[in-house]
């Protein structure tokens, strides 16, 4: 299951982690966000223990969204060693996520 990243745990779970983290910025009212939700869950299962995959609800965690300049959702950040190394915006097919993860992990 995808992790839940929040304003309070983002530093410890993502920024301080040596593992690649894939963060889905989403909101309940966002149709494209709901469309890729199952893909994010599948990826979380497939990469469990190898890549941290989680979600940030932008309505409940405005600080992280502001810190990373998230203006359109869904926005997926790829963070490694505390640094954003790549980003995808908008609903994407699963293959695009897999390609990015494999090239970055």
PDB file of N, CA and C in Angstrom:
ATOM      1  N   UNK A   1       0.835  -1.187   0.000  1.00  0.00           N
ATOM      2  CA  UNK A   1       0.000   0.000   0.000  1.00  0.00           C
ATOM      3  C   UNK A   1       0.879   1.249   0.000  1.00  0.00           C
ATOM      4  N   UNK A   2       0.458   2.257  -0.738  1.00  0.00           N
ATOM      5  CA  UNK A   2       1.217   3.501  -0.817  1.00  0.00           C
ATOM      6  C   UNK A   2       1.274   4.162   0.565  1.00  0.00           C
ATOM      7  N   UNK A   3       2.403   4.756   0.862  1.00  0.00           N
ATOM      8  CA  UNK A   3       2.576   5.463   2.125  1.00  0.00           C
ATOM      9  C   UNK A   3       1.835   6.787   2.079  1.00  0.00           C
ATOM     10  N   UNK A   4       1.550   7.347   3.242  1.00  0.00           N
ATOM     11  CA  UNK A   4       0.952   8.672   3.296  1.00  0.00           C
ATOM     12  C   UNK A   4       2.002   9.633   3.823  1.00  0.00           C
ATOM     13  N   UNK A   5       2.424  10.553   2.955  1.00  0.00           N
ATOM     14  CA  UNK A   5       3.394  11.568   3.362  1.00  0.00           C
ATOM     15  C   UNK A   5       2.625  12.813   3.781  1.00  0.00           C
ATOM     16  N   UNK A   6       3.086  13.431   4.877  1.00  0.00           N
ATOM     17  CA  UNK A   6       2.413  14.616   5.416  1.00  0.00           C
ATOM     18  C   UNK A   6       3.436  15.704   5.685  1.00  0.00           C
ATOM     19  N   UNK A   7       2.928  16.897   5.998  1.00  0.00           N
ATOM     20  CA  UNK A   7       3.823  17.998   6.360  1.00  0.00           C
ATOM     21  C   UNK A   7       4.748  17.579   7.506  1.00  0.00           C
ATOM     22  N   UNK A   8       4.224  16.754   8.429  1.00  0.00           N
ATOM     23  CA  UNK A   8       5.020  16.406   9.610  1.00  0.00           C
ATOM     24  C   UNK A   8       6.007  15.258   9.385  1.00  0.00           C
ATOM     25  N   UNK A   9       5.733  14.333   8.453  1.00  0.00           N
ATOM     26  CA  UNK A   9       6.667  13.211   8.282  1.00  0.00           C
ATOM     27  C   UNK A   9       7.491  13.281   6.991  1.00  0.00           C
ATOM     28  N   UNK A  10       7.293  14.294   6.166  1.00  0.00           N
ATOM     29  CA  UNK A  10       7.951  14.358   4.861  1.00  0.00           C
ATOM     30  C   UNK A  10       9.472  14.357   4.975  1.00  0.00           C
ATOM     31  N   UNK A  11       9.992  15.130   5.921  1.00  0.00           N
ATOM     32  CA  UNK A  11      11.454  15.190   6.069  1.00  0.00           C
ATOM     33  C   UNK A  11      12.025  13.824   6.438  1.00  0.00           C
ATOM     34  N   UNK A  12      11.463  13.173   7.446  1.00  0.00           N
ATOM     35  CA  UNK A  12      12.009  11.890   7.896  1.00  0.00           C
ATOM     36  C   UNK A  12      11.776  10.772   6.886  1.00  0.00           C
ATOM     37  N   UNK A  13      10.611  10.746   6.244  1.00  0.00           N
ATOM     38  CA  UNK A  13      10.271   9.662   5.325  1.00  0.00           C
ATOM     39  C   UNK A  13      10.897   9.825   3.939  1.00  0.00           C
ATOM     40  N   UNK A  14      11.007  11.057   3.462  1.00  0.00           N
ATOM     41  CA  UNK A  14      11.461  11.297   2.082  1.00  0.00           C
ATOM     42  C   UNK A  14      12.840  11.937   2.032  1.00  0.00           C
ATOM     43  N   UNK A  15      12.971  13.112   2.632  1.00  0.00           N
ATOM     44  CA  UNK A  15      14.216  13.875   2.477  1.00  0.00           C
ATOM     45  C   UNK A  15      15.411  13.205   3.142  1.00  0.00           C
ATOM     46  N   UNK A  16      15.193  12.546   4.278  1.00  0.00           N
ATOM     47  CA  UNK A  16      16.298  11.888   4.986  1.00  0.00           C
ATOM     48  C   UNK A  16      16.540  10.452   4.511  1.00  0.00           C
ATOM     49  N   UNK A  17      15.772   9.990   3.544  1.00  0.00           N
ATOM     50  CA  UNK A  17      15.897   8.616   3.067  1.00  0.00           C
ATOM     51  C   UNK A  17      16.908   8.525   1.925  1.00  0.00           C
ATOM     52  N   UNK A  18      17.705   7.462   1.946  1.00  0.00           N
ATOM     53  CA  UNK A  18      18.655   7.227   0.855  1.00  0.00           C
ATOM     54  C   UNK A  18      17.958   6.605  -0.352  1.00  0.00           C
ATOM     55  N   UNK A  19      16.796   5.986  -0.109  1.00  0.00           N
ATOM     56  CA  UNK A  19      16.036   5.340  -1.179  1.00  0.00           C
ATOM     57  C   UNK A  19      15.364   6.370  -2.082  1.00  0.00           C
ATOM     58  N   UNK A  20      15.117   5.974  -3.317  1.00  0.00           N
ATOM     59  CA  UNK A  20      14.304   6.789  -4.213  1.00  0.00           C
ATOM     60  C   UNK A  20      12.894   6.847  -3.636  1.00  0.00           C
ATOM     61  N   UNK A  21      12.305   8.047  -3.630  1.00  0.00           N
ATOM     62  CA  UNK A  21      10.921   8.214  -3.201  1.00  0.00           C
ATOM     63  C   UNK A  21      10.115   8.748  -4.378  1.00  0.00           C
ATOM     64  N   UNK A  22       8.935   8.193  -4.568  1.00  0.00           N
ATOM     65  CA  UNK A  22       8.011   8.648  -5.608  1.00  0.00           C
ATOM     66  C   UNK A  22       6.807   9.217  -4.876  1.00  0.00           C
ATOM     67  N   UNK A  23       6.553  10.512  -5.076  1.00  0.00           N
ATOM     68  CA  UNK A  23       5.497  11.184  -4.325  1.00  0.00           C
ATOM     69  C   UNK A  23       4.414  11.674  -5.264  1.00  0.00           C
ATOM     70  N   UNK A  24       3.211  11.195  -5.042  1.00  0.00           N
ATOM     71  CA  UNK A  24       2.045  11.591  -5.829  1.00  0.00           C
ATOM     72  C   UNK A  24       1.307  12.692  -5.070  1.00  0.00           C
ATOM     73  N   UNK A  25       1.331  13.918  -5.612  1.00  0.00           N
ATOM     74  CA  UNK A  25       0.574  15.027  -5.034  1.00  0.00           C
ATOM     75  C   UNK A  25      -0.820  14.969  -5.651  1.00  0.00           C
ATOM     76  N   UNK A  26      -1.850  14.858  -4.809  1.00  0.00           N
ATOM     77  CA  UNK A  26      -3.203  14.622  -5.284  1.00  0.00           C
ATOM     78  C   UNK A  26      -4.228  15.301  -4.384  1.00  0.00           C
ATOM     79  N   UNK A  27      -5.496  15.245  -4.813  1.00  0.00           N
ATOM     80  CA  UNK A  27      -6.626  15.711  -3.996  1.00  0.00           C
ATOM     81  C   UNK A  27      -7.842  14.848  -4.340  1.00  0.00           C
ATOM     82  N   UNK A  28      -8.739  14.711  -3.377  1.00  0.00           N
ATOM     83  CA  UNK A  28      -9.916  13.864  -3.563  1.00  0.00           C
ATOM     84  C   UNK A  28     -10.812  14.351  -4.700  1.00  0.00           C
ATOM     85  N   UNK A  29     -10.868  15.663  -4.925  1.00  0.00           N
ATOM     86  CA  UNK A  29     -11.753  16.239  -5.935  1.00  0.00           C
ATOM     87  C   UNK A  29     -11.165  16.199  -7.351  1.00  0.00           C
ATOM     88  N   UNK A  30      -9.942  15.710  -7.489  1.00  0.00           N
ATOM     89  CA  UNK A  30      -9.224  15.721  -8.769  1.00  0.00           C
ATOM     90  C   UNK A  30      -9.444  14.406  -9.524  1.00  0.00           C
ATOM     91  N   UNK A  31     -10.173  14.477 -10.642  1.00  0.00           N
ATOM     92  CA  UNK A  31     -10.471  13.290 -11.435  1.00  0.00           C
ATOM     93  C   UNK A  31      -9.233  12.553 -11.928  1.00  0.00           C
ATOM     94  N   UNK A  32      -8.288  13.246 -12.580  1.00  0.00           N
ATOM     95  CA  UNK A  32      -7.070  12.562 -13.041  1.00  0.00           C
ATOM     96  C   UNK A  32      -6.275  11.939 -11.886  1.00  0.00           C
ATOM     97  N   UNK A  33      -6.330  12.565 -10.706  1.00  0.00           N
ATOM     98  CA  UNK A  33      -5.644  12.011  -9.527  1.00  0.00           C
ATOM     99  C   UNK A  33      -6.257  10.669  -9.153  1.00  0.00           C
ATOM    100  N   UNK A  34      -7.581  10.630  -9.157  1.00  0.00           N
ATOM    101  CA  UNK A  34      -8.270   9.380  -8.822  1.00  0.00           C
ATOM    102  C   UNK A  34      -7.985   8.313  -9.874  1.00  0.00           C
ATOM    103  N   UNK A  35      -7.809   8.747 -11.128  1.00  0.00           N
ATOM    104  CA  UNK A  35      -7.544   7.799 -12.216  1.00  0.00           C
ATOM    105  C   UNK A  35      -6.197   7.102 -12.042  1.00  0.00           C
ATOM    106  N   UNK A  36      -5.182   7.823 -11.554  1.00  0.00           N
ATOM    107  CA  UNK A  36      -3.863   7.187 -11.395  1.00  0.00           C
ATOM    108  C   UNK A  36      -3.668   6.584 -10.009  1.00  0.00           C
ATOM    109  N   UNK A  37      -4.607   6.787  -9.109  1.00  0.00           N
ATOM    110  CA  UNK A  37      -4.511   6.211  -7.765  1.00  0.00           C
ATOM    111  C   UNK A  37      -4.221   4.723  -7.757  1.00  0.00           C
ATOM    112  N   UNK A  38      -4.974   3.914  -8.535  1.00  0.00           N
ATOM    113  CA  UNK A  38      -4.702   2.473  -8.558  1.00  0.00           C
ATOM    114  C   UNK A  38      -3.305   2.138  -9.103  1.00  0.00           C
ATOM    115  N   UNK A  39      -2.812   2.940 -10.035  1.00  0.00           N
ATOM    116  CA  UNK A  39      -1.462   2.724 -10.586  1.00  0.00           C
ATOM    117  C   UNK A  39      -0.418   2.948  -9.492  1.00  0.00           C
ATOM    118  N   UNK A  40      -0.609   3.996  -8.711  1.00  0.00           N
ATOM    119  CA  UNK A  40       0.324   4.296  -7.613  1.00  0.00           C
ATOM    120  C   UNK A  40       0.317   3.143  -6.608  1.00  0.00           C
ATOM    121  N   UNK A  41      -0.870   2.616  -6.306  1.00  0.00           N
ATOM    122  CA  UNK A  41      -0.981   1.489  -5.371  1.00  0.00           C
ATOM    123  C   UNK A  41      -0.265   0.248  -5.916  1.00  0.00           C
ATOM    124  N   UNK A  42      -0.427  -0.028  -7.219  1.00  0.00           N
ATOM    125  CA  UNK A  42       0.253  -1.175  -7.837  1.00  0.00           C
ATOM    126  C   UNK A  42       1.767  -1.013  -7.740  1.00  0.00           C
ATOM    127  N   UNK A  43       2.245   0.181  -8.047  1.00  0.00           N
ATOM    128  CA  UNK A  43       3.687   0.439  -7.994  1.00  0.00           C
ATOM    129  C   UNK A  43       4.215   0.266  -6.572  1.00  0.00           C
ATOM    130  N   UNK A  44       3.428   0.716  -5.588  1.00  0.00           N
ATOM    131  CA  UNK A  44       3.840   0.599  -4.189  1.00  0.00           C
ATOM    132  C   UNK A  44       4.035  -0.873  -3.821  1.00  0.00           C
ATOM    133  N   UNK A  45       3.156  -1.742  -4.300  1.00  0.00           N
ATOM    134  CA  UNK A  45       3.281  -3.179  -4.030  1.00  0.00           C
ATOM    135  C   UNK A  45       4.493  -3.762  -4.753  1.00  0.00           C
ATOM    136  N   UNK A  46       4.629  -3.422  -6.033  1.00  0.00           N
ATOM    137  CA  UNK A  46       5.698  -3.992  -6.854  1.00  0.00           C
ATOM    138  C   UNK A  46       7.097  -3.571  -6.390  1.00  0.00           C
ATOM    139  N   UNK A  47       7.221  -2.358  -5.880  1.00  0.00           N
ATOM    140  CA  UNK A  47       8.541  -1.844  -5.487  1.00  0.00           C
ATOM    141  C   UNK A  47       8.737  -1.801  -3.968  1.00  0.00           C
ATOM    142  N   UNK A  48       7.866  -2.472  -3.233  1.00  0.00           N
ATOM    143  CA  UNK A  48       7.956  -2.479  -1.771  1.00  0.00           C
ATOM    144  C   UNK A  48       9.345  -2.913  -1.320  1.00  0.00           C
ATOM    145  N   UNK A  49       9.941  -2.121  -0.429  1.00  0.00           N
ATOM    146  CA  UNK A  49      11.274  -2.422   0.081  1.00  0.00           C
ATOM    147  C   UNK A  49      12.397  -1.899  -0.792  1.00  0.00           C
ATOM    148  N   UNK A  50      12.084  -1.484  -2.031  1.00  0.00           N
ATOM    149  CA  UNK A  50      13.113  -0.986  -2.943  1.00  0.00           C
ATOM    150  C   UNK A  50      12.979   0.505  -3.210  1.00  0.00           C
ATOM    151  N   UNK A  51      11.729   0.974  -3.288  1.00  0.00           N
ATOM    152  CA  UNK A  51      11.435   2.379  -3.571  1.00  0.00           C
ATOM    153  C   UNK A  51      10.291   2.788  -2.655  1.00  0.00           C
ATOM    154  N   UNK A  52      10.381   3.982  -2.062  1.00  0.00           N
ATOM    155  CA  UNK A  52       9.284   4.488  -1.237  1.00  0.00           C
ATOM    156  C   UNK A  52       8.283   5.169  -2.146  1.00  0.00           C
ATOM    157  N   UNK A  53       7.063   4.674  -2.151  1.00  0.00           N
ATOM    158  CA  UNK A  53       6.028   5.258  -2.997  1.00  0.00           C
ATOM    159  C   UNK A  53       4.879   5.685  -2.106  1.00  0.00           C
ATOM    160  N   UNK A  54       4.526   6.964  -2.219  1.00  0.00           N
ATOM    161  CA  UNK A  54       3.471   7.479  -1.366  1.00  0.00           C
ATOM    162  C   UNK A  54       2.753   8.657  -1.969  1.00  0.00           C
ATOM    163  N   UNK A  55       1.799   9.152  -1.199  1.00  0.00           N
ATOM    164  CA  UNK A  55       0.924  10.210  -1.673  1.00  0.00           C
ATOM    165  C   UNK A  55       0.897  11.361  -0.674  1.00  0.00           C
ATOM    166  N   UNK A  56       0.718  12.562  -1.216  1.00  0.00           N
ATOM    167  CA  UNK A  56       0.527  13.755  -0.400  1.00  0.00           C
ATOM    168  C   UNK A  56      -0.805  14.373  -0.816  1.00  0.00           C
ATOM    169  N   UNK A  57      -1.743  14.455   0.115  1.00  0.00           N
ATOM    170  CA  UNK A  57      -3.010  15.124  -0.150  1.00  0.00           C
ATOM    171  C   UNK A  57      -2.749  16.626  -0.026  1.00  0.00           C
ATOM    172  N   UNK A  58      -2.847  17.350  -1.160  1.00  0.00           N
ATOM    173  CA  UNK A  58      -2.487  18.774  -1.168  1.00  0.00           C
ATOM    174  C   UNK A  58      -3.421  19.617  -0.300  1.00  0.00           C
ATOM    175  N   UNK A  59      -4.660  19.166  -0.127  1.00  0.00           N
ATOM    176  CA  UNK A  59      -5.601  19.919   0.709  1.00  0.00           C
ATOM    177  C   UNK A  59      -5.251  19.808   2.189  1.00  0.00           C
ATOM    178  N   UNK A  60      -4.700  18.666   2.602  1.00  0.00           N
ATOM    179  CA  UNK A  60      -4.374  18.441   4.007  1.00  0.00           C
ATOM    180  C   UNK A  60      -2.930  18.803   4.356  1.00  0.00           C
ATOM    181  N   UNK A  61      -2.076  18.959   3.345  1.00  0.00           N
ATOM    182  CA  UNK A  61      -0.645  19.225   3.565  1.00  0.00           C
ATOM    183  C   UNK A  61      -0.156  20.358   2.664  1.00  0.00           C
ATOM    184  N   UNK A  62      -0.647  21.565   2.926  1.00  0.00           N
ATOM    185  CA  UNK A  62      -0.314  22.685   2.032  1.00  0.00           C
ATOM    186  C   UNK A  62       1.162  23.086   2.056  1.00  0.00           C
ATOM    187  N   UNK A  63       1.858  22.837   3.159  1.00  0.00           N
ATOM    188  CA  UNK A  63       3.248  23.285   3.262  1.00  0.00           C
ATOM    189  C   UNK A  63       4.155  22.587   2.250  1.00  0.00           C
ATOM    190  N   UNK A  64       4.050  21.261   2.149  1.00  0.00           N
ATOM    191  CA  UNK A  64       4.887  20.526   1.195  1.00  0.00           C
ATOM    192  C   UNK A  64       4.572  20.992  -0.222  1.00  0.00           C
ATOM    193  N   UNK A  65       3.298  21.162  -0.523  1.00  0.00           N
ATOM    194  CA  UNK A  65       2.889  21.600  -1.861  1.00  0.00           C
ATOM    195  C   UNK A  65       3.503  22.954  -2.196  1.00  0.00           C
ATOM    196  N   UNK A  66       3.484  23.879  -1.248  1.00  0.00           N
ATOM    197  CA  UNK A  66       4.084  25.197  -1.467  1.00  0.00           C
ATOM    198  C   UNK A  66       5.600  25.090  -1.602  1.00  0.00           C
ATOM    199  N   UNK A  67       6.221  24.282  -0.744  1.00  0.00           N
ATOM    200  CA  UNK A  67       7.682  24.132  -0.780  1.00  0.00           C
ATOM    201  C   UNK A  67       8.171  23.656  -2.150  1.00  0.00           C
ATOM    202  N   UNK A  68       7.377  22.821  -2.809  1.00  0.00           N
ATOM    203  CA  UNK A  68       7.794  22.251  -4.091  1.00  0.00           C
ATOM    204  C   UNK A  68       7.096  22.879  -5.294  1.00  0.00           C
ATOM    205  N   UNK A  69       6.384  23.977  -5.066  1.00  0.00           N
ATOM    206  CA  UNK A  69       5.758  24.709  -6.168  1.00  0.00           C
ATOM    207  C   UNK A  69       4.731  23.904  -6.940  1.00  0.00           C
ATOM    208  N   UNK A  70       3.979  23.064  -6.240  1.00  0.00           N
ATOM    209  CA  UNK A  70       2.966  22.247  -6.897  1.00  0.00           C
ATOM    210  C   UNK A  70       1.766  23.132  -7.224  1.00  0.00           C
ATOM    211  N   UNK A  71       1.536  23.349  -8.523  1.00  0.00           N
ATOM    212  CA  UNK A  71       0.408  24.174  -8.954  1.00  0.00           C
ATOM    213  C   UNK A  71      -0.599  23.382  -9.770  1.00  0.00           C
ATOM    214  N   UNK A  72      -0.195  22.251 -10.309  1.00  0.00           N
ATOM    215  CA  UNK A  72      -1.091  21.370 -11.063  1.00  0.00           C
ATOM    216  C   UNK A  72      -0.991  19.967 -10.476  1.00  0.00           C
ATOM    217  N   UNK A  73      -2.152  19.314 -10.360  1.00  0.00           N
ATOM    218  CA  UNK A  73      -2.136  17.933  -9.878  1.00  0.00           C
ATOM    219  C   UNK A  73      -2.904  17.066 -10.861  1.00  0.00           C
ATOM    220  N   UNK A  74      -2.603  15.782 -10.961  1.00  0.00           N
ATOM    221  CA  UNK A  74      -1.557  15.114 -10.197  1.00  0.00           C
ATOM    222  C   UNK A  74      -0.157  15.533 -10.638  1.00  0.00           C
ATOM    223  N   UNK A  75       0.707  15.673  -9.653  1.00  0.00           N
ATOM    224  CA  UNK A  75       2.125  15.933  -9.905  1.00  0.00           C
ATOM    225  C   UNK A  75       2.895  14.858  -9.149  1.00  0.00           C
ATOM    226  N   UNK A  76       3.816  14.220  -9.832  1.00  0.00           N
ATOM    227  CA  UNK A  76       4.587  13.143  -9.218  1.00  0.00           C
ATOM    228  C   UNK A  76       6.046  13.554  -9.192  1.00  0.00           C
ATOM    229  N   UNK A  77       6.594  13.663  -7.974  1.00  0.00           N
ATOM    230  CA  UNK A  77       8.003  14.013  -7.820  1.00  0.00           C
ATOM    231  C   UNK A  77       8.801  12.755  -7.525  1.00  0.00           C
ATOM    232  N   UNK A  78      10.002  12.715  -8.072  1.00  0.00           N
ATOM    233  CA  UNK A  78      10.949  11.641  -7.811  1.00  0.00           C
ATOM    234  C   UNK A  78      12.082  12.267  -7.006  1.00  0.00           C
ATOM    235  N   UNK A  79      12.245  11.836  -5.761  1.00  0.00           N
ATOM    236  CA  UNK A  79      13.215  12.438  -4.849  1.00  0.00           C
ATOM    237  C   UNK A  79      14.234  11.389  -4.431  1.00  0.00           C
ATOM    238  N   UNK A  80      15.505  11.755  -4.534  1.00  0.00           N
ATOM    239  CA  UNK A  80      16.571  10.842  -4.118  1.00  0.00           C
ATOM    240  C   UNK A  80      17.629  11.659  -3.391  1.00  0.00           C
ATOM    241  N   UNK A  81      18.022  11.185  -2.220  1.00  0.00           N
ATOM    242  CA  UNK A  81      19.019  11.919  -1.440  1.00  0.00           C
ATOM    243  C   UNK A  81      18.574  13.321  -1.065  1.00  0.00           C
ATOM    244  N   UNK A  82      17.270  13.496  -0.876  1.00  0.00           N
ATOM    245  CA  UNK A  82      16.732  14.788  -0.464  1.00  0.00           C
ATOM    246  C   UNK A  82      16.560  15.787  -1.595  1.00  0.00           C
ATOM    247  N   UNK A  83      16.817  15.367  -2.847  1.00  0.00           N
ATOM    248  CA  UNK A  83      16.759  16.272  -3.988  1.00  0.00           C
ATOM    249  C   UNK A  83      15.744  15.752  -5.014  1.00  0.00           C
ATOM    250  N   UNK A  84      14.961  16.661  -5.586  1.00  0.00           N
ATOM    251  CA  UNK A  84      14.042  16.281  -6.655  1.00  0.00           C
ATOM    252  C   UNK A  84      14.876  15.983  -7.899  1.00  0.00           C
ATOM    253  N   UNK A  85      14.810  14.743  -8.377  1.00  0.00           N
ATOM    254  CA  UNK A  85      15.615  14.338  -9.534  1.00  0.00           C
ATOM    255  C   UNK A  85      14.780  14.231 -10.805  1.00  0.00           C
ATOM    256  N   UNK A  86      13.457  14.228 -10.674  1.00  0.00           N
ATOM    257  CA  UNK A  86      12.591  14.205 -11.850  1.00  0.00           C
ATOM    258  C   UNK A  86      11.160  14.500 -11.419  1.00  0.00           C
ATOM    259  N   UNK A  87      10.301  14.743 -12.418  1.00  0.00           N
ATOM    260  CA  UNK A  87       8.918  15.114 -12.121  1.00  0.00           C
ATOM    261  C   UNK A  87       8.030  14.735 -13.309  1.00  0.00           C
ATOM    262  N   UNK A  88       6.840  14.270 -13.022  1.00  0.00           N
ATOM    263  CA  UNK A  88       5.815  14.038 -14.041  1.00  0.00           C
ATOM    264  C   UNK A  88       4.571  14.813 -13.608  1.00  0.00           C
ATOM    265  N   UNK A  89       3.890  15.456 -14.565  1.00  0.00           N
ATOM    266  CA  UNK A  89       2.663  16.186 -14.246  1.00  0.00           C
ATOM    267  C   UNK A  89       1.542  15.654 -15.119  1.00  0.00           C
ATOM    268  N   UNK A  90       0.400  15.414 -14.490  1.00  0.00           N
ATOM    269  CA  UNK A  90      -0.757  14.908 -15.216  1.00  0.00           C
ATOM    270  C   UNK A  90      -0.839  13.400 -15.142  1.00  0.00           C
ATOM    271  N   UNK A  91      -2.012  12.899 -15.506  1.00  0.00           N
ATOM    272  CA  UNK A  91      -2.226  11.452 -15.506  1.00  0.00           C
ATOM    273  C   UNK A  91      -1.306  10.818 -16.548  1.00  0.00           C
ATOM    274  N   UNK A  92      -0.657   9.732 -16.176  1.00  0.00           N
ATOM    275  CA  UNK A  92       0.307   9.055 -17.035  1.00  0.00           C
ATOM    276  C   UNK A  92       0.022   7.561 -17.032  1.00  0.00           C
ATOM    277  N   UNK A  93       0.388   6.870 -18.122  1.00  0.00           N
ATOM    278  CA  UNK A  93       0.274   5.415 -18.090  1.00  0.00           C
ATOM    279  C   UNK A  93       1.327   4.814 -17.150  1.00  0.00           C
ATOM    280  N   UNK A  94       1.034   3.657 -16.624  1.00  0.00           N
ATOM    281  CA  UNK A  94       1.929   2.989 -15.674  1.00  0.00           C
ATOM    282  C   UNK A  94       3.342   2.838 -16.235  1.00  0.00           C
ATOM    283  N   UNK A  95       3.449   2.553 -17.529  1.00  0.00           N
ATOM    284  CA  UNK A  95       4.762   2.351 -18.153  1.00  0.00           C
ATOM    285  C   UNK A  95       5.678   3.564 -17.971  1.00  0.00           C
ATOM    286  N   UNK A  96       5.112   4.766 -17.977  1.00  0.00           N
ATOM    287  CA  UNK A  96       5.927   5.974 -17.788  1.00  0.00           C
ATOM    288  C   UNK A  96       6.541   6.014 -16.392  1.00  0.00           C
ATOM    289  N   UNK A  97       5.755   5.610 -15.392  1.00  0.00           N
ATOM    290  CA  UNK A  97       6.266   5.578 -14.023  1.00  0.00           C
ATOM    291  C   UNK A  97       7.366   4.531 -13.882  1.00  0.00           C
ATOM    292  N   UNK A  98       7.124   3.357 -14.440  1.00  0.00           N
ATOM    293  CA  UNK A  98       8.094   2.267 -14.349  1.00  0.00           C
ATOM    294  C   UNK A  98       9.413   2.684 -15.000  1.00  0.00           C
ATOM    295  N   UNK A  99       9.331   3.308 -16.167  1.00  0.00           N
ATOM    296  CA  UNK A  99      10.519   3.754 -16.886  1.00  0.00           C
ATOM    297  C   UNK A  99      11.344   4.738 -16.036  1.00  0.00           C
ATOM    298  N   UNK A 100      10.665   5.707 -15.431  1.00  0.00           N
ATOM    299  CA  UNK A 100      11.353   6.693 -14.576  1.00  0.00           C
ATOM    300  C   UNK A 100      11.973   6.016 -13.364  1.00  0.00           C
ATOM    301  N   UNK A 101      11.196   5.173 -12.686  1.00  0.00           N
ATOM    302  CA  UNK A 101      11.686   4.511 -11.471  1.00  0.00           C
ATOM    303  C   UNK A 101      12.932   3.670 -11.817  1.00  0.00           C
ATOM    304  N   UNK A 102      12.849   2.895 -12.878  1.00  0.00           N
ATOM    305  CA  UNK A 102      13.969   2.028 -13.242  1.00  0.00           C
ATOM    306  C   UNK A 102      15.217   2.836 -13.602  1.00  0.00           C
ATOM    307  N   UNK A 103      15.043   4.002 -14.206  1.00  0.00           N
ATOM    308  CA  UNK A 103      16.201   4.811 -14.588  1.00  0.00           C
ATOM    309  C   UNK A 103      16.811   5.557 -13.401  1.00  0.00           C
ATOM    310  N   UNK A 104      16.030   5.720 -12.319  1.00  0.00           N
ATOM    311  CA  UNK A 104      16.494   6.524 -11.175  1.00  0.00           C
ATOM    312  C   UNK A 104      16.895   5.725  -9.942  1.00  0.00           C
ATOM    313  N   UNK A 105      16.410   4.486  -9.797  1.00  0.00           N
ATOM    314  CA  UNK A 105      16.648   3.765  -8.528  1.00  0.00           C
ATOM    315  C   UNK A 105      18.017   3.220  -8.382  1.00  0.00           C
TER     316      UNK A 105
END
